[in-house]
Amino acid sequence: MEKKNSRRGFLKKATVVTSGSVLAATAAFTLKSENKTEKNIELMPVIKSIKPLGFQWETQDPFLFCVHHEDAYPKGNENQGPSASLAGRNIGQDFLLKDGWRMYHGDKVPGFPGHPHRGFETITVVREGMVDHTDSMGASGRYGDGDVQWMTSGKGVQHAEMFPLVKETEDNPMELFQIWLNLPKKNKFVEPHFKMLWAESIPVFEHSDEFGKVKVEVIAGQIGDLKAPSPPPNSWASPSENDVAVWNIKMDEGAKWTLPKAKSGVNRTVYFYKGDELKIEGETLAHYHSADVESENDITIESGSEECHILILQGKPINEPVVQHGPFVMNTKEEIRQAFVDYQNTQFGGWPWKESGPVHPREKGRFAAHADGTIEDKS
């Protein structure tokens, strides 16, 4: 049924995708799809579509997907694994949120032991907890509590992402986003590379008025004169004309903020992951839902009666064919087949570590040891 809108003069129809089951993405080897049903609803033109959020979040080009990990891990044992029984868990494929946490592919320590990637980038945004990194280039690191790792897999790399439970006398809550950003065809075979965006280096935009405070962590992109640290050089986010942004936003209850417009043709999605409700140009977005929104005008967002947390992903679409099979993202099926052949023949450089999912000593602080010998010590 068509209704008139006093501000815009009309409403447009948009498609909402509702889930029949929660997506379970292993992020290492397989990506499972879910059954979906579609229904038409009427929305303001500023909102193109609304979707409920599962474990794996749907994204728009140039992004491939985003996973929100949130685990209430218990105290750590002597191996930095859970000080709790693992009985009843599907060890090696544990994605069931049992007792508030998951082991994922880990058998002693939660996380994702060594696995390959080719043709895209991972942006790992750790809100709370620690991640231990090792890779086939011989690089390693430990980061967390606000740090971001941005890794370009390019022609191929193996890496492990383990979640060490470093605290022995208290719980080890973990929250992170892993965002997959596509690479254009011309950069599919660049050399693997990772860059650390340490929490101390990530700028925070702040807005305050009579309605409350808003803080925006500018992980990628720019707000006004405030620029994020530079992404890896071969990233789609590196040229400013692609207008790629990754913003994590915290709004006081009742706060208002104007989301600045982006460049023409840019895709933009608002992910509302904490709080009771969020309003976008007066339209209510329920908790744990996303909204694809138009990007060529400023948009007013308002938090409800609770503090709201929002992730925004935006960027100019690459507009190239995407063929994905598990950890490989290419442009054609033949390139996917070749990726498997290459991995079988070369192991993307092999695995120089004694274990498939190594963790660093408990007392080790935040650091990054790069393949070229560069050491960043944040301990």
Protein backbone atom coordinates (compact mmCIF):
# COMPACT_ATOMS: atom_id res chain seq x y z
CA MET A 1 0.00 0.00 0.00
CA GLU A 2 1.44 3.38 -1.01
CA LYS A 3 1.65 6.09 1.63
CA LYS A 4 2.66 9.70 1.39
CA ASN A 5 5.69 10.99 3.25
CA SER A 6 5.56 14.59 4.42
CA ARG A 7 9.34 15.02 4.15
CA ARG A 8 10.06 13.23 0.90
CA GLY A 9 6.64 13.13 -0.78
CA PHE A 10 6.67 9.39 -1.44
CA LEU A 11 7.91 5.99 -0.30
CA LYS A 12 9.75 3.40 -2.36
CA LYS A 13 9.44 -0.34 -2.17
CA ALA A 14 12.51 -2.26 -1.06
CA THR A 15 13.36 -5.88 -0.46
CA VAL A 16 14.00 -7.24 3.01
CA VAL A 17 15.78 -10.57 3.32
CA THR A 18 14.77 -12.60 6.34
CA SER A 19 16.76 -15.60 7.50
CA GLY A 20 15.50 -19.11 7.94
CA SER A 21 18.63 -20.08 9.84
CA VAL A 22 21.76 -18.38 11.18
CA LEU A 23 24.69 -18.33 8.77
CA ALA A 24 27.61 -20.41 9.97
CA ALA A 25 30.81 -19.24 8.30
CA THR A 26 33.97 -21.14 9.18
CA ALA A 27 36.09 -18.24 7.83
CA ALA A 28 38.79 -20.81 7.16
CA PHE A 29 37.64 -23.34 4.63
CA THR A 30 33.88 -23.29 3.99
CA LEU A 31 31.17 -20.67 3.76
CA LYS A 32 27.67 -22.02 4.24
CA SER A 33 24.60 -20.31 2.88
CA GLU A 34 21.17 -20.16 4.48
CA ASN A 35 17.66 -20.42 3.24
CA LYS A 36 16.14 -17.01 2.62
CA THR A 37 12.65 -15.76 1.99
CA GLU A 38 11.89 -12.35 0.54
CA LYS A 39 9.06 -9.96 1.13
CA ASN A 40 8.37 -6.45 -0.07
CA ILE A 41 7.98 -3.59 2.34
CA GLU A 42 7.71 0.14 1.86
CA LEU A 43 10.60 2.30 2.98
CA MET A 44 11.85 5.83 2.67
CA PRO A 45 14.17 6.34 -0.30
CA VAL A 46 17.15 6.86 2.01
CA ILE A 47 16.89 3.22 3.14
CA LYS A 48 17.35 0.75 0.30
CA SER A 49 16.94 -2.48 2.27
CA ILE A 50 16.95 -3.85 5.82
CA LYS A 51 18.28 -7.26 6.85
CA PRO A 52 18.52 -9.14 10.16
CA LEU A 53 22.08 -9.91 11.24
CA GLY A 54 23.21 -13.47 11.81
CA PHE A 55 26.71 -14.70 12.55
CA GLN A 56 27.89 -13.72 9.07
CA TRP A 57 26.74 -10.29 7.92
CA GLU A 58 25.83 -9.58 4.33
CA THR A 59 27.78 -6.78 2.68
CA GLN A 60 27.84 -4.78 -0.54
CA ASP A 61 30.61 -4.57 -3.15
CA PRO A 62 33.56 -3.97 -2.55
CA PHE A 63 33.14 -5.95 0.70
CA LEU A 64 32.55 -9.70 0.67
CA PHE A 65 31.17 -10.25 4.16
CA CYS A 66 31.66 -9.38 7.83
CA VAL A 67 31.65 -11.76 10.80
CA HIS A 68 30.93 -10.56 14.33
CA HIS A 69 32.63 -12.78 16.90
CA GLU A 70 31.41 -12.29 20.47
CA ASP A 71 32.39 -14.95 23.00
CA ALA A 72 32.23 -14.90 26.79
CA TYR A 73 35.32 -17.06 27.34
CA PRO A 74 36.08 -18.28 30.88
CA LYS A 75 39.40 -18.14 32.71
CA GLY A 76 42.41 -19.46 30.80
CA ASN A 77 44.19 -22.72 31.65
CA GLU A 78 47.91 -23.47 31.43
CA ASN A 79 47.66 -23.74 27.61
CA GLN A 80 45.72 -20.44 27.29
CA GLY A 81 42.66 -22.46 26.39
CA PRO A 82 39.35 -22.48 28.32
CA SER A 83 39.53 -23.57 31.93
CA ALA A 84 36.37 -25.59 31.36
CA SER A 85 35.34 -28.95 29.94
CA LEU A 86 35.23 -29.29 26.15
CA ALA A 87 32.88 -32.27 26.39
CA GLY A 88 29.90 -32.10 24.05
CA ARG A 89 31.64 -29.80 21.57
CA ASN A 90 32.34 -30.63 17.94
CA ILE A 91 36.06 -29.97 18.27
CA GLY A 92 37.53 -28.76 15.02
CA GLN A 93 34.16 -27.42 13.84
CA ASP A 94 32.71 -25.86 16.99
CA PHE A 95 30.42 -22.99 15.98
CA LEU A 96 27.68 -23.69 18.55
CA LEU A 97 27.41 -20.93 21.14
CA LYS A 98 27.54 -23.34 24.08
CA ASP A 99 27.92 -21.70 27.50
CA GLY A 100 28.37 -18.39 25.68
CA TRP A 101 31.50 -19.27 23.68
CA ARG A 102 32.85 -21.30 20.77
CA MET A 103 36.12 -23.09 19.97
CA TYR A 104 35.77 -22.56 16.19
CA HIS A 105 38.50 -24.73 14.59
CA GLY A 106 40.74 -24.83 17.66
CA ASP A 107 41.21 -28.03 19.66
CA LYS A 108 42.98 -26.56 22.71
CA VAL A 109 42.85 -22.80 22.15
CA PRO A 110 39.89 -21.15 20.42
CA GLY A 111 40.45 -19.74 16.97
CA PHE A 112 41.42 -20.60 13.41
CA PRO A 113 44.62 -22.65 12.93
CA GLY A 114 46.65 -22.28 9.74
CA HIS A 115 44.52 -21.88 6.60
CA PRO A 116 45.05 -20.33 3.16
CA HIS A 117 43.72 -17.14 1.55
CA ARG A 118 44.04 -15.72 -1.96
CA GLY A 119 42.62 -12.72 -3.79
CA PHE A 120 41.18 -10.49 -1.03
CA GLU A 121 41.93 -8.73 2.25
CA THR A 122 40.98 -9.37 5.87
CA ILE A 123 40.41 -6.45 8.23
CA THR A 124 40.32 -7.80 11.79
CA VAL A 125 38.94 -5.25 14.27
CA VAL A 126 39.42 -6.48 17.84
CA ARG A 127 37.17 -4.68 20.29
CA GLU A 128 38.10 -6.84 23.30
CA GLY A 129 40.42 -9.79 23.87
CA MET A 130 43.59 -10.89 22.09
CA VAL A 131 44.46 -12.50 18.74
CA ASP A 132 47.71 -14.36 18.04
CA HIS A 133 48.86 -14.19 14.41
CA THR A 134 51.33 -16.45 12.58
CA ASP A 135 51.71 -16.87 8.83
CA SER A 136 53.55 -18.70 6.05
CA MET A 137 55.85 -15.71 5.51
CA GLY A 138 57.28 -16.30 8.99
CA ALA A 139 55.58 -13.24 10.46
CA SER A 140 53.77 -13.26 13.78
CA GLY A 141 52.07 -10.98 16.29
CA ARG A 142 49.67 -10.46 19.15
CA TYR A 143 47.08 -7.68 19.01
CA GLY A 144 43.78 -6.76 20.64
CA ASP A 145 41.78 -4.37 22.80
CA GLY A 146 41.15 -1.87 20.01
CA ASP A 147 43.88 -2.88 17.55
CA VAL A 148 43.23 -3.68 13.89
CA GLN A 149 45.16 -5.98 11.58
CA TRP A 150 44.77 -5.37 7.83
CA MET A 151 46.10 -8.25 5.74
CA THR A 152 46.37 -8.40 1.94
CA SER A 153 46.47 -12.06 0.92
CA GLY A 154 47.21 -11.31 -2.74
CA LYS A 155 48.72 -14.29 -4.57
CA GLY A 156 48.38 -16.50 -1.53
CA VAL A 157 49.27 -16.82 2.13
CA GLN A 158 48.55 -19.15 5.03
CA HIS A 159 47.85 -17.66 8.42
CA ALA A 160 46.55 -18.67 11.82
CA GLU A 161 44.31 -16.54 14.05
CA MET A 162 44.12 -17.92 17.56
CA PHE A 163 42.32 -16.41 20.54
CA PRO A 164 44.56 -16.99 23.59
CA LEU A 165 42.85 -16.73 26.95
CA VAL A 166 45.68 -14.84 28.60
CA LYS A 167 43.91 -14.17 31.93
CA GLU A 168 44.11 -17.03 34.44
CA THR A 169 42.20 -15.47 37.32
CA GLU A 170 39.33 -13.77 35.50
CA ASP A 171 37.15 -14.27 32.45
CA ASN A 172 38.41 -13.53 28.92
CA PRO A 173 35.60 -11.87 26.95
CA MET A 174 36.25 -11.59 23.21
CA GLU A 175 34.63 -9.34 20.61
CA LEU A 176 35.92 -8.73 17.11
CA PHE A 177 34.82 -8.10 13.55
CA GLN A 178 36.50 -9.75 10.61
CA ILE A 179 35.72 -7.93 7.40
CA TRP A 180 36.57 -9.36 3.98
CA LEU A 181 37.40 -6.66 1.41
CA ASN A 182 37.76 -7.72 -2.20
CA LEU A 183 40.80 -6.98 -4.35
CA PRO A 184 40.42 -5.83 -7.96
CA LYS A 185 41.66 -8.19 -10.68
CA LYS A 186 44.85 -6.18 -11.20
CA ASN A 187 45.87 -6.78 -7.53
CA LYS A 188 44.80 -10.41 -7.08
CA PHE A 189 48.42 -11.60 -7.33
CA VAL A 190 50.31 -8.95 -5.37
CA GLU A 191 52.72 -10.04 -2.66
CA PRO A 192 51.04 -10.85 0.69
CA HIS A 193 51.35 -8.09 3.25
CA PHE A 194 49.89 -7.12 6.61
CA LYS A 195 49.76 -3.84 8.42
CA MET A 196 48.96 -3.10 12.04
CA LEU A 197 46.67 -0.24 12.96
CA TRP A 198 47.40 -0.05 16.68
CA ALA A 199 44.63 1.32 18.89
CA GLU A 200 46.78 4.32 19.78
CA SER A 201 47.06 5.31 16.11
CA ILE A 202 43.37 5.09 15.19
CA PRO A 203 41.83 8.58 15.27
CA VAL A 204 38.52 9.15 17.04
CA PHE A 205 36.07 11.74 15.77
CA GLU A 206 33.95 13.22 18.58
CA HIS A 207 30.68 15.10 18.42
CA SER A 208 28.84 16.48 21.45
CA ASP A 209 25.67 18.55 21.79
CA GLU A 210 22.59 18.81 24.01
CA PHE A 211 21.46 15.34 22.91
CA GLY A 212 24.62 13.49 23.93
CA LYS A 213 28.05 12.36 22.78
CA VAL A 214 29.07 10.45 19.67
CA LYS A 215 32.47 8.83 19.12
CA VAL A 216 33.58 7.44 15.77
CA GLU A 217 36.70 5.29 15.40
CA VAL A 218 37.98 6.09 11.91
CA ILE A 219 39.57 2.76 10.93
CA ALA A 220 39.47 3.56 7.22
CA GLY A 221 38.43 6.67 5.35
CA GLN A 222 38.02 10.24 6.51
CA ILE A 223 35.57 12.41 8.47
CA GLY A 224 36.19 16.08 7.86
CA ASP A 225 39.92 16.64 8.30
CA LEU A 226 40.33 13.49 10.41
CA LYS A 227 41.98 10.71 8.39
CA ALA A 228 42.47 7.06 9.23
CA PRO A 229 45.95 5.49 9.03
CA SER A 230 46.90 4.51 5.49
CA PRO A 231 45.73 1.03 4.45
CA PRO A 232 48.11 -1.45 2.75
CA PRO A 233 49.37 -0.04 -0.56
CA ASN A 234 47.58 -2.51 -2.87
CA SER A 235 44.24 -2.29 -1.09
CA TRP A 236 41.08 -1.08 -2.88
CA ALA A 237 40.90 1.33 0.07
CA SER A 238 44.23 2.94 -0.77
CA PRO A 239 43.10 5.29 -3.60
CA SER A 240 41.02 8.05 -2.00
CA GLU A 241 38.64 8.14 -4.97
CA ASN A 242 37.28 4.73 -3.91
CA ASP A 243 35.93 6.37 -0.73
CA VAL A 244 36.30 3.22 1.39
CA ALA A 245 35.33 3.75 5.02
CA VAL A 246 35.24 1.52 8.09
CA TRP A 247 33.79 3.39 11.05
CA ASN A 248 32.90 2.01 14.47
CA ILE A 249 30.47 4.35 16.22
CA LYS A 250 29.33 4.66 19.84
CA MET A 251 26.36 6.93 20.59
CA ASP A 252 25.04 7.95 24.00
CA GLU A 253 21.38 7.22 24.62
CA GLY A 254 19.30 9.82 22.80
CA ALA A 255 22.31 11.14 20.86
CA LYS A 256 22.03 12.45 17.31
CA TRP A 257 24.63 12.67 14.58
CA THR A 258 24.68 13.55 10.90
CA LEU A 259 26.40 10.87 8.86
CA PRO A 260 28.23 12.88 6.18
CA LYS A 261 27.50 12.14 2.55
CA ALA A 262 29.90 10.06 0.49
CA LYS A 263 30.92 10.28 -3.14
CA SER A 264 28.44 9.46 -5.88
CA GLY A 265 28.04 5.76 -6.63
CA VAL A 266 29.37 4.58 -3.26
CA ASN A 267 27.74 1.63 -1.46
CA ARG A 268 27.05 2.19 2.25
CA THR A 269 25.68 -0.13 4.95
CA VAL A 270 24.82 0.67 8.58
CA TYR A 271 25.17 -2.31 10.98
CA PHE A 272 23.36 -1.78 14.29
CA TYR A 273 24.82 -4.37 16.67
CA LYS A 274 24.24 -3.00 20.21
CA GLY A 275 21.39 -1.00 21.71
CA ASP A 276 17.59 -1.06 21.73
CA GLU A 277 16.77 0.91 18.59
CA LEU A 278 18.32 3.27 16.09
CA LYS A 279 16.57 5.82 13.89
CA ILE A 280 17.76 6.62 10.39
CA GLU A 281 16.06 9.77 9.07
CA GLY A 282 13.23 9.05 11.52
CA GLU A 283 12.77 5.41 10.48
CA THR A 284 13.42 2.82 13.21
CA LEU A 285 16.06 0.13 12.76
CA ALA A 286 15.69 -2.73 15.24
CA HIS A 287 18.58 -4.16 17.25
CA TYR A 288 20.93 -6.47 15.31
CA HIS A 289 19.78 -5.37 11.89
CA SER A 290 21.56 -3.70 9.00
CA ALA A 291 20.36 -1.07 6.54
CA ASP A 292 21.77 -0.38 3.09
CA VAL A 293 21.40 3.38 2.73
CA GLU A 294 21.88 5.93 -0.02
CA SER A 295 25.16 7.77 0.29
CA GLU A 296 24.85 11.00 -1.69
CA ASN A 297 23.18 13.03 1.07
CA ASP A 298 23.81 13.66 4.75
CA ILE A 299 21.79 11.24 6.91
CA THR A 300 20.62 11.86 10.48
CA ILE A 301 20.94 8.92 12.86
CA GLU A 302 19.57 8.88 16.42
CA SER A 303 20.08 6.40 19.25
CA GLY A 304 17.21 5.14 21.37
CA SER A 305 16.96 4.80 25.13
CA GLU A 306 20.22 2.85 25.35
CA GLU A 307 23.76 3.46 24.20
CA CYS A 308 24.08 2.35 20.58
CA HIS A 309 27.01 0.74 18.77
CA ILE A 310 27.16 0.85 14.98
CA LEU A 311 29.58 -0.34 12.32
CA ILE A 312 29.56 1.40 8.94
CA LEU A 313 31.11 -0.07 5.79
CA GLN A 314 31.19 1.94 2.61
CA GLY A 315 33.09 2.01 -0.65
CA LYS A 316 32.98 2.43 -4.37
CA PRO A 317 32.08 -0.94 -5.90
CA ILE A 318 34.80 -2.78 -7.83
CA ASN A 319 32.16 -3.98 -10.32
CA GLU A 320 34.03 -7.11 -11.39
CA PRO A 321 32.86 -10.73 -11.41
CA VAL A 322 33.33 -12.45 -8.04
CA VAL A 323 33.81 -16.21 -7.81
CA GLN A 324 34.40 -17.42 -4.27
CA HIS A 325 35.16 -20.87 -2.95
CA GLY A 326 35.94 -20.90 0.75
CA PRO A 327 39.16 -18.93 1.30
CA PHE A 328 39.77 -18.08 -2.36
CA VAL A 329 38.15 -15.11 -4.11
CA MET A 330 38.85 -14.68 -7.81
CA ASN A 331 37.13 -13.47 -10.98
CA THR A 332 36.54 -16.80 -12.76
CA LYS A 333 35.97 -20.48 -11.94
CA GLU A 334 39.17 -21.36 -13.73
CA GLU A 335 41.11 -19.02 -11.43
CA ILE A 336 39.53 -20.76 -8.43
CA ARG A 337 40.57 -24.16 -9.76
CA GLN A 338 44.08 -22.83 -10.31
CA ALA A 339 44.16 -21.47 -6.74
CA PHE A 340 43.56 -24.98 -5.39
CA VAL A 341 46.26 -26.42 -7.68
CA ASP A 342 48.72 -23.73 -6.62
CA TYR A 343 47.99 -24.29 -2.95
CA GLN A 344 48.42 -28.05 -3.27
CA ASN A 345 51.74 -27.59 -5.08
CA THR A 346 53.27 -24.77 -3.03
CA GLN A 347 51.31 -24.51 0.22
CA PHE A 348 51.68 -20.76 -0.39
CA GLY A 349 55.17 -20.86 1.04
CA GLY A 350 54.68 -23.69 3.51
CA TRP A 351 54.15 -23.55 7.27
CA PRO A 352 57.26 -22.68 9.31
CA TRP A 353 55.61 -23.23 12.70
CA LYS A 354 55.65 -26.39 14.83
CA GLU A 355 51.88 -26.29 15.41
CA SER A 356 48.97 -25.46 13.11
CA GLY A 357 47.60 -23.03 15.68
CA PRO A 358 50.51 -21.67 17.72
CA VAL A 359 50.02 -19.15 20.52
CA HIS A 360 52.61 -16.86 22.02
CA PRO A 361 53.67 -17.03 25.68
CA ARG A 362 51.07 -15.75 28.12
CA GLU A 363 53.32 -12.93 29.32
CA LYS A 364 53.97 -11.69 25.79
CA GLY A 365 52.49 -8.25 25.14
CA ARG A 366 51.15 -6.72 21.93
CA PHE A 367 53.64 -6.90 19.08
CA ALA A 368 54.09 -7.53 15.37
CA ALA A 369 57.11 -9.27 13.83
CA HIS A 370 57.02 -8.75 10.06
CA ALA A 371 58.54 -10.98 7.39
CA ASP A 372 61.17 -8.34 6.54
CA GLY A 373 62.46 -8.40 10.11
CA THR A 374 60.69 -5.24 11.29
CA ILE A 375 59.50 -5.48 14.90
CA GLU A 376 56.70 -3.40 16.40
CA ASP A 377 56.62 -3.78 20.19
CA LYS A 378 53.59 -2.34 22.00
CA SER A 379 54.05 -4.20 25.28
